[in-house]
Protein backbone atom coordinates (compact mmCIF):
# COMPACT_ATOMS: atom_id res chain seq x y z
CA MET A 1 -3.42 36.47 -34.88
CA ARG A 2 -4.75 35.70 -31.79
CA CYS A 3 -7.81 33.66 -31.50
CA ILE A 4 -9.94 34.05 -28.24
CA PRO A 5 -13.10 32.53 -27.40
CA ILE A 6 -16.28 34.10 -29.49
CA ILE A 7 -18.27 35.10 -26.23
CA LEU A 8 -15.34 36.85 -24.68
CA ILE A 9 -14.34 38.77 -27.79
CA SER A 10 -18.09 39.74 -28.53
CA LEU A 11 -18.10 41.35 -24.93
CA LEU A 12 -14.84 43.07 -25.74
CA LEU A 13 -16.16 44.31 -29.08
CA THR A 14 -19.31 45.45 -27.80
CA ASP A 15 -17.64 47.54 -24.88
CA CYS A 16 -14.98 48.89 -27.57
CA SER A 17 -17.73 49.41 -30.15
CA GLN A 18 -19.53 51.64 -27.57
CA ARG A 19 -16.13 53.38 -26.77
CA ASN A 20 -15.12 53.84 -30.37
CA SER A 21 -18.61 55.20 -31.43
CA ASP A 22 -17.14 58.42 -29.37
CA ASN A 23 -13.89 58.05 -31.43
CA LYS A 24 -13.73 61.90 -32.20
CA LEU A 25 -14.57 64.24 -29.63
CA THR A 26 -16.74 67.22 -31.03
CA ASN A 27 -17.52 69.18 -27.92
CA ALA A 28 -16.43 69.52 -24.42
CA ASN A 29 -19.41 67.97 -22.97
CA GLU A 30 -18.55 64.51 -24.58
CA LEU A 31 -17.00 61.74 -22.36
CA ILE A 32 -13.16 61.14 -22.76
CA LEU A 33 -13.79 57.43 -21.70
CA GLY A 34 -9.70 56.71 -22.14
CA GLU A 35 -6.61 57.60 -23.83
CA ARG A 36 -7.00 59.85 -27.00
CA ILE A 37 -4.63 60.41 -29.73
CA HIS A 38 -2.82 63.68 -29.98
CA GLY A 39 -2.15 63.18 -33.62
CA PRO A 40 -2.20 62.38 -36.37
CA ALA A 41 0.17 59.82 -34.57
CA ASN A 42 2.34 56.98 -36.11
CA PHE A 43 2.18 53.28 -34.82
CA ARG A 44 5.32 51.22 -35.40
CA ASP A 45 6.42 47.60 -35.31
CA THR A 46 8.88 48.03 -32.51
CA ILE A 47 10.22 51.30 -30.69
CA ASN A 48 11.49 53.66 -33.25
CA GLY A 49 10.73 50.88 -35.82
CA LYS A 50 8.88 51.00 -39.31
CA ILE A 51 5.63 52.81 -39.39
CA LEU A 52 2.57 50.29 -39.54
CA PHE A 53 -0.12 52.77 -39.57
CA THR A 54 -1.50 56.21 -38.36
CA LEU A 55 -4.38 57.23 -36.33
CA ASP A 56 -6.21 60.54 -36.57
CA ASP A 57 -6.42 63.15 -33.84
CA ASN A 58 -8.80 62.22 -30.84
CA VAL A 59 -9.20 58.64 -31.75
CA LEU A 60 -10.02 56.58 -28.61
CA VAL A 61 -7.42 53.70 -28.19
CA GLU A 62 -6.64 50.73 -26.04
CA THR A 63 -3.15 51.05 -24.18
CA GLY A 64 -0.61 49.21 -22.34
CA PRO A 65 1.69 50.78 -19.72
CA THR A 66 4.19 53.44 -20.78
CA GLU A 67 7.91 52.40 -20.65
CA ASN A 68 10.83 54.61 -21.65
CA LYS A 69 8.32 57.00 -23.03
CA TRP A 70 6.80 54.46 -25.45
CA LEU A 71 3.54 52.23 -25.05
CA THR A 72 1.79 49.64 -27.11
CA ALA A 73 -1.58 50.96 -28.17
CA GLY A 74 -4.15 49.99 -30.70
CA VAL A 75 -7.94 50.24 -31.91
CA PHE A 76 -10.62 47.86 -32.95
CA VAL A 77 -11.30 48.39 -36.51
CA GLN A 78 -13.98 46.92 -39.09
CA MET A 79 -12.58 44.02 -41.23
CA THR A 80 -13.43 43.87 -45.04
CA PRO A 81 -14.16 40.28 -46.31
CA GLU A 82 -10.57 40.34 -47.84
CA GLN A 83 -9.09 41.30 -44.49
CA ILE A 84 -11.05 38.57 -42.70
CA LYS A 85 -9.62 35.92 -45.10
CA SER A 86 -6.20 37.14 -45.17
CA SER A 87 -5.96 38.12 -41.42
CA VAL A 88 -4.06 41.31 -42.43
CA ILE A 89 -4.66 44.82 -43.61
CA TYR A 90 -2.48 45.93 -46.70
CA PRO A 91 -0.70 49.35 -47.24
CA SER A 92 -2.74 52.35 -48.11
CA ALA A 93 -6.17 50.82 -46.77
CA ASP A 94 -8.33 53.24 -44.73
CA LEU A 95 -8.78 52.10 -41.15
CA ILE A 96 -12.63 52.26 -40.21
CA SER A 97 -14.29 52.06 -36.99
CA ASN A 98 -18.26 52.20 -36.78
CA GLY A 99 -18.34 53.41 -40.26
CA LYS A 100 -15.85 56.33 -39.59
CA LYS A 101 -12.24 56.83 -41.10
CA ILE A 102 -9.88 57.01 -38.13
CA GLY A 103 -6.55 56.25 -39.87
CA LYS A 104 -4.63 54.73 -42.52
CA ALA A 105 -2.34 51.44 -43.13
CA ILE A 106 1.09 52.39 -44.07
CA ASP A 107 2.68 48.87 -44.22
CA THR A 108 0.94 45.39 -43.72
CA ILE A 109 -0.77 45.10 -40.39
CA SER A 110 -1.67 41.72 -38.64
CA PHE A 111 -4.52 41.59 -36.21
CA TRP A 112 -3.70 40.87 -32.84
CA MET A 113 -7.29 39.27 -32.25
CA SER A 114 -10.46 39.20 -34.11
CA SER A 115 -13.90 37.97 -34.28
CA ASP A 116 -16.67 38.26 -37.07
CA SER A 117 -15.99 41.64 -38.72
CA PHE A 118 -13.91 43.44 -36.15
CA GLY A 119 -10.18 42.97 -35.17
CA LEU A 120 -7.66 44.79 -32.87
CA ILE A 121 -4.54 46.35 -34.52
CA ALA A 122 -1.79 47.74 -32.45
CA GLY A 123 1.88 48.99 -32.38
CA TYR A 124 4.27 50.95 -30.52
CA THR A 125 3.84 54.74 -30.32
CA HIS A 126 5.42 57.56 -28.15
CA GLN A 127 3.90 58.77 -25.04
CA ASN A 128 3.46 62.46 -26.69
CA ASN A 129 1.08 60.99 -29.05
CA ILE A 130 -1.31 60.38 -26.15
CA LYS A 131 -3.30 63.35 -24.78
CA SER A 132 -2.36 63.55 -21.10
CA ASN A 133 -5.87 64.63 -19.98
CA SER A 134 -7.17 61.30 -21.35
CA SER A 135 -4.98 59.13 -19.16
CA PRO A 136 -6.89 58.08 -16.03
CA GLU A 137 -3.84 57.54 -14.01
CA LYS A 138 -2.46 61.28 -14.68
CA VAL A 139 -5.97 62.91 -13.94
CA ILE A 140 -6.57 61.11 -10.57
CA THR A 141 -3.10 61.80 -9.42
CA GLU A 142 -3.54 65.33 -10.29
CA LEU A 143 -6.95 65.36 -8.37
CA VAL A 144 -5.38 63.61 -5.31
CA ASN A 145 -2.37 65.91 -5.07
CA GLN A 146 -4.75 68.74 -5.25
CA LYS A 147 -6.42 67.37 -2.06
CA LYS A 148 -9.65 66.61 -3.89
CA LEU A 149 -10.69 63.67 -2.15
CA ASN A 150 -14.65 64.23 -1.70
CA PHE A 151 -16.75 62.06 -3.80
CA ARG A 152 -18.30 65.17 -5.12
CA ASP A 153 -14.92 66.32 -6.43
CA LEU A 154 -14.29 62.98 -8.04
CA GLU A 155 -17.71 62.70 -9.88
CA PRO A 156 -16.72 64.41 -13.17
CA PHE A 157 -13.66 61.97 -13.41
CA ILE A 158 -15.78 59.06 -12.43
CA ARG A 159 -18.33 60.03 -15.33
CA ASN A 160 -15.80 61.13 -17.71
CA PHE A 161 -13.97 57.82 -17.77
CA LYS A 162 -17.23 55.84 -17.39
CA PHE A 163 -16.16 54.02 -13.99
CA GLU A 164 -18.80 51.30 -12.95
CA LYS A 165 -19.87 50.78 -9.40
CA THR A 166 -19.49 47.29 -8.01
CA ASP A 167 -19.95 45.27 -4.84
CA ASN A 168 -17.52 42.64 -5.58
CA GLY A 169 -13.83 42.72 -4.82
CA GLY A 170 -13.78 41.59 -1.15
CA LEU A 171 -14.28 45.17 0.06
CA SER A 172 -18.03 45.64 0.58
CA ASP A 173 -17.53 48.29 3.23
CA PHE A 174 -16.45 50.57 0.61
CA ALA A 175 -18.22 52.11 -2.27
CA GLN A 176 -16.00 50.78 -5.38
CA TYR A 177 -15.87 52.49 -8.64
CA PHE A 178 -13.71 50.79 -11.29
CA ILE A 179 -12.55 50.59 -14.94
CA TYR A 180 -11.37 47.58 -16.82
CA GLU A 181 -7.66 46.96 -17.90
CA SER A 182 -7.20 47.31 -21.67
CA ALA A 183 -7.57 44.43 -24.00
CA ILE A 184 -3.82 45.26 -25.14
CA VAL A 185 -2.85 44.19 -21.78
CA ASP A 186 -5.23 41.27 -20.96
CA PRO A 187 -8.14 40.00 -23.40
CA SER A 188 -10.14 38.73 -20.08
CA PRO A 189 -9.35 41.86 -18.09
CA ARG A 190 -9.53 42.63 -14.38
CA ASP A 191 -9.62 46.13 -13.03
CA ARG A 192 -7.28 48.70 -14.27
CA MET A 193 -8.17 51.07 -11.46
CA THR A 194 -10.68 50.89 -8.54
CA LEU A 195 -11.34 53.83 -6.28
CA LEU A 196 -12.33 53.13 -2.58
CA ILE A 197 -14.77 55.52 -1.03
CA ASN A 198 -15.54 55.27 2.46
CA LYS A 199 -18.78 55.98 4.50
CA ASP A 200 -17.90 59.65 4.83
CA SER A 201 -17.77 59.99 0.94
CA ARG A 202 -13.82 60.25 1.03
CA LEU A 203 -11.58 58.51 -1.30
CA VAL A 204 -9.08 56.62 0.94
CA GLY A 205 -7.74 54.25 -1.53
CA ILE A 206 -6.99 53.38 -5.01
CA ILE A 207 -6.18 49.94 -6.46
CA HIS A 208 -4.37 50.04 -9.72
CA SER A 209 -2.37 48.29 -12.15
CA ARG A 210 -0.35 51.05 -13.57
CA ALA A 211 1.97 53.62 -11.84
CA LEU A 212 0.53 56.61 -9.95
CA GLY A 213 2.37 59.66 -8.53
CA ALA A 214 0.03 60.55 -5.60
CA THR A 215 1.75 62.42 -2.51
CA ASP A 216 0.55 61.84 0.96
CA PHE A 217 -0.47 58.34 -0.05
CA LYS A 218 1.58 55.02 0.30
CA THR A 219 1.76 52.28 -2.22
CA TYR A 220 1.80 48.46 -1.41
CA ASP A 221 2.13 45.53 -3.74
CA LEU A 222 -0.85 43.16 -4.25
CA VAL A 223 -0.78 40.30 -6.73
CA ARG A 224 -1.05 39.88 -10.47
CA GLY A 225 0.51 43.39 -11.00
CA HIS A 226 -1.87 45.38 -8.87
CA ARG A 227 -0.96 47.72 -6.20
CA LEU A 228 -2.98 49.53 -3.41
CA THR A 229 -2.29 53.21 -2.82
CA VAL A 230 -3.77 54.43 0.39
CA LYS A 231 -3.82 57.64 2.47
CA THR A 232 -0.84 57.79 4.91
CA ASP A 233 -3.17 58.50 7.90
CA LEU A 234 -4.94 54.96 7.56
CA GLY A 235 -3.68 52.81 10.45
CA ALA A 236 -1.33 49.85 9.89
CA ASP A 237 -4.14 47.24 10.81
CA GLU A 238 -6.54 49.03 8.27
CA ILE A 239 -3.90 48.69 5.66
CA LYS A 240 -3.14 45.15 6.51
CA ASN A 241 -6.88 44.19 6.28
CA LEU A 242 -7.23 45.99 2.97
CA ILE A 243 -4.21 44.11 1.20
CA GLU A 244 -5.26 40.73 2.61
CA ARG A 245 -9.02 41.03 1.44
CA ARG A 246 -7.96 42.22 -1.94
CA ILE A 247 -5.32 39.49 -2.47
CA ASN A 248 -7.77 36.94 -1.39
CA PHE A 249 -10.04 38.42 -3.88
CA TYR A 250 -7.81 38.28 -6.85
CA ASN A 251 -6.66 34.77 -5.99
CA SER A 252 -10.33 33.70 -6.12
CA VAL A 253 -10.91 34.73 -9.70
CA ASP A 254 -9.69 33.47 -12.97
């Protein structure tokens, strides 16, 4: 079990607790927030390995990037006193988040990280177990390819995935809206995706840590796994300036 600083995991758990309070959507007006289970879904110890646990339909999960149609994904669950002491969940135990049953342990599960009475459990699951309309990369790619680049067109997406506005990032001449990377990938996460909106309220670029499939956009490597995808009609000097400033920002933070 990974142990991380109490302040950091408290912040993580507060955010995930707020997200997990919407673990099962009940109507179309509720926020998606992130990847949702198309289930029930099995989670395994390795690709095609033994089943560790199952999660119910619509449960909100933390995810890593998809590779060869599989991904690592998991969820923060409430720990019983026995689970806190043993650092594992034993078979047949119900998985509880914010007082709601969200799944069941099939085999013994070790916690990836924990603090107080919450812990992160994770495993491998097939990409078909994630609802495609709950992936921010898939949704923004669809919007971009449909030429929906005005801020007004993007507002439902920004609201649905709870993007936050920031003035940081070394690109103060743009309105920037971002979501954090998953705790599965980085327990002290940077941005998973940042939208760059110009003064004409148009999307001109996307900074991202996971693959996109946008047409009429070109992608450039940054640092630390991040990339910049920009409209092809941006000038070479503009693109170079964007790249340099964002790399400088990433190199300035831990």
